[in-house]
Amino acid sequence: MTVGSQVKSCYASIKGIEATLSTLASQTNEKEAREVFRNAETIIAEIKEDMEKQVIWLSQEEPQYKQ
């Protein structure tokens, strides 16, 4: 597995985590749990943005990392 495909796989996993946290936050009835899920979702969203930039950089600047 190339570096590029590993980064893309990680990015896809992070997107899934973000979606799961959003679902959990909307399904819970407990205010404190909802806040925890939303805070975690915010952190994951920041990580996702960084990973997205890395995916773009790898595809544009480092052609050897393309699949």
Protein backbone atom coordinates (compact mmCIF):
# COMPACT_ATOMS: atom_id res chain seq x y z
CA MET A 1 0.00 0.00 0.00
CA THR A 2 1.44 3.36 -1.02
CA VAL A 3 1.70 6.37 1.27
CA GLY A 4 -0.99 8.09 -0.77
CA SER A 5 -3.43 5.23 -0.40
CA GLN A 6 -2.70 4.99 3.33
CA VAL A 7 -3.44 8.69 3.77
CA LYS A 8 -6.63 8.37 1.72
CA SER A 9 -7.70 5.37 3.80
CA CYS A 10 -7.06 7.30 7.00
CA TYR A 11 -9.04 10.25 5.62
CA ALA A 12 -11.98 7.97 4.80
CA SER A 13 -11.88 6.51 8.32
CA ILE A 14 -11.90 9.99 9.85
CA LYS A 15 -14.93 10.94 7.74
CA GLY A 16 -16.69 7.84 9.05
CA ILE A 17 -15.82 8.71 12.64
CA GLU A 18 -17.16 12.23 12.13
CA ALA A 19 -20.44 10.87 10.77
CA THR A 20 -20.76 8.41 13.65
CA LEU A 21 -20.18 11.14 16.24
CA SER A 22 -22.80 13.31 14.56
CA THR A 23 -25.30 10.45 14.62
CA LEU A 24 -24.58 9.68 18.26
CA ALA A 25 -24.98 13.34 19.21
CA SER A 26 -28.34 13.59 17.51
CA GLN A 27 -29.62 10.31 18.97
CA THR A 28 -28.73 10.83 22.62
CA ASN A 29 -31.15 12.38 25.08
CA GLU A 30 -28.48 13.34 27.59
CA LYS A 31 -27.27 16.91 27.31
CA GLU A 32 -23.80 16.16 28.69
CA ALA A 33 -23.28 13.22 26.33
CA ARG A 34 -24.45 15.34 23.39
CA GLU A 35 -21.90 18.03 24.28
CA VAL A 36 -19.12 15.44 24.51
CA PHE A 37 -20.05 14.03 21.11
CA ARG A 38 -20.23 17.51 19.56
CA ASN A 39 -16.85 18.49 21.04
CA ALA A 40 -15.28 15.30 19.72
CA GLU A 41 -16.93 15.93 16.35
CA THR A 42 -15.36 19.41 16.24
CA ILE A 43 -11.91 17.99 16.96
CA ILE A 44 -12.34 15.29 14.32
CA ALA A 45 -13.52 17.91 11.80
CA GLU A 46 -10.27 19.82 12.32
CA ILE A 47 -8.25 16.65 11.84
CA LYS A 48 -10.29 15.85 8.72
CA GLU A 49 -9.48 19.27 7.26
CA ASP A 50 -5.76 18.69 7.86
CA MET A 51 -5.96 15.23 6.30
CA GLU A 52 -7.83 16.60 3.29
CA LYS A 53 -5.04 19.13 2.75
CA GLN A 54 -2.51 16.31 2.97
CA VAL A 55 -4.43 14.25 0.39
CA ILE A 56 -4.49 17.23 -1.96
CA TRP A 57 -0.80 17.94 -1.41
CA LEU A 58 0.15 14.34 -2.07
CA SER A 59 -1.86 14.23 -5.28
CA GLN A 60 -0.51 17.55 -6.60
CA GLU A 61 3.06 17.83 -5.35
CA GLU A 62 4.18 14.25 -5.04
CA PRO A 63 3.13 12.29 -8.15
CA GLN A 64 5.06 9.24 -6.96
CA TYR A 65 2.43 8.83 -4.21
CA LYS A 66 -0.43 8.51 -6.68
CA GLN A 67 -1.95 5.09 -7.09
